[in-house]
Amino acid sequence: MNTSSIHLMLLALLLSVVALFCMLVGAAAGLLARIDGATYAAALLRGTLAFAGSATLSLALLTFVLTAL
């Protein structure tokens, strides 16, 4: 295997790990909001905002690391 395909596979693996992490963060935020007494709509909104925030930060960090290499 040449190095470009290895880098592509590594990037795909990292993106899938980031997506899984962000989904877990969003689900946990929504669950905690619902346990706290928020309505379903408010809990969904909080989970969505947590997902978007963690995705933004994770992808920014991933971009920084990949450009540093």
Protein backbone atom coordinates (compact mmCIF):
# COMPACT_ATOMS: atom_id res chain seq x y z
CA MET A 1 0.00 0.00 0.00
CA ASN A 2 1.26 3.43 -0.81
CA THR A 3 1.27 6.21 1.74
CA SER A 4 -1.60 8.18 0.22
CA SER A 5 -4.04 5.30 0.68
CA ILE A 6 -2.83 4.81 4.25
CA HIS A 7 -3.40 8.50 4.97
CA LEU A 8 -6.85 8.29 3.40
CA MET A 9 -7.77 5.27 5.52
CA LEU A 10 -6.46 7.02 8.63
CA LEU A 11 -8.50 10.11 7.83
CA ALA A 12 -11.65 8.02 7.30
CA LEU A 13 -11.07 6.26 10.62
CA LEU A 14 -10.52 9.54 12.45
CA LEU A 15 -13.64 11.09 10.93
CA SER A 16 -15.75 8.10 11.98
CA VAL A 17 -14.36 8.28 15.54
CA VAL A 18 -15.12 12.02 15.65
CA ALA A 19 -18.66 11.41 14.39
CA LEU A 20 -19.24 8.71 17.02
CA PHE A 21 -17.86 10.95 19.78
CA CYS A 22 -20.10 13.84 18.70
CA MET A 23 -23.18 11.64 18.59
CA LEU A 24 -22.46 10.38 22.11
CA VAL A 25 -21.99 13.94 23.39
CA GLY A 26 -25.25 15.05 21.78
CA ALA A 27 -27.17 12.07 23.13
CA ALA A 28 -25.77 12.57 26.63
CA ALA A 29 -26.64 16.28 26.59
CA GLY A 30 -30.18 15.55 25.44
CA LEU A 31 -30.62 12.85 28.05
CA LEU A 32 -29.29 15.05 30.83
CA ALA A 33 -31.56 17.89 29.74
CA ARG A 34 -34.56 15.56 29.72
CA ILE A 35 -33.69 14.23 33.18
CA ASP A 36 -33.39 17.83 34.36
CA GLY A 37 -37.04 18.37 33.40
CA ALA A 38 -36.79 19.97 29.97
CA THR A 39 -39.45 19.26 27.38
CA TYR A 40 -38.68 16.91 24.52
CA ALA A 41 -38.20 19.81 22.13
CA ALA A 42 -35.84 21.65 24.47
CA ALA A 43 -33.87 18.47 25.18
CA LEU A 44 -33.55 17.81 21.45
CA LEU A 45 -32.36 21.35 20.88
CA ARG A 46 -29.76 21.08 23.65
CA GLY A 47 -28.54 17.76 22.26
CA THR A 48 -28.31 19.22 18.77
CA LEU A 49 -26.35 22.23 20.01
CA ALA A 50 -23.97 19.98 21.95
CA PHE A 51 -23.48 17.82 18.84
CA ALA A 52 -22.77 20.84 16.67
CA GLY A 53 -20.38 22.37 19.19
CA SER A 54 -18.43 19.17 19.71
CA ALA A 55 -18.29 18.53 15.96
CA THR A 56 -16.94 22.02 15.34
CA LEU A 57 -14.27 21.73 18.01
CA SER A 58 -13.30 18.18 17.06
CA LEU A 59 -12.97 18.95 13.37
CA ALA A 60 -10.99 22.11 14.10
CA LEU A 61 -8.61 20.10 16.29
CA LEU A 62 -8.35 17.37 13.67
CA THR A 63 -7.57 19.97 10.99
CA PHE A 64 -4.90 21.52 13.21
CA VAL A 65 -3.27 18.14 13.89
CA LEU A 66 -3.33 17.08 10.24
CA THR A 67 -1.80 20.33 9.04
CA ALA A 68 0.88 20.10 11.74
CA LEU A 69 1.92 16.69 10.42
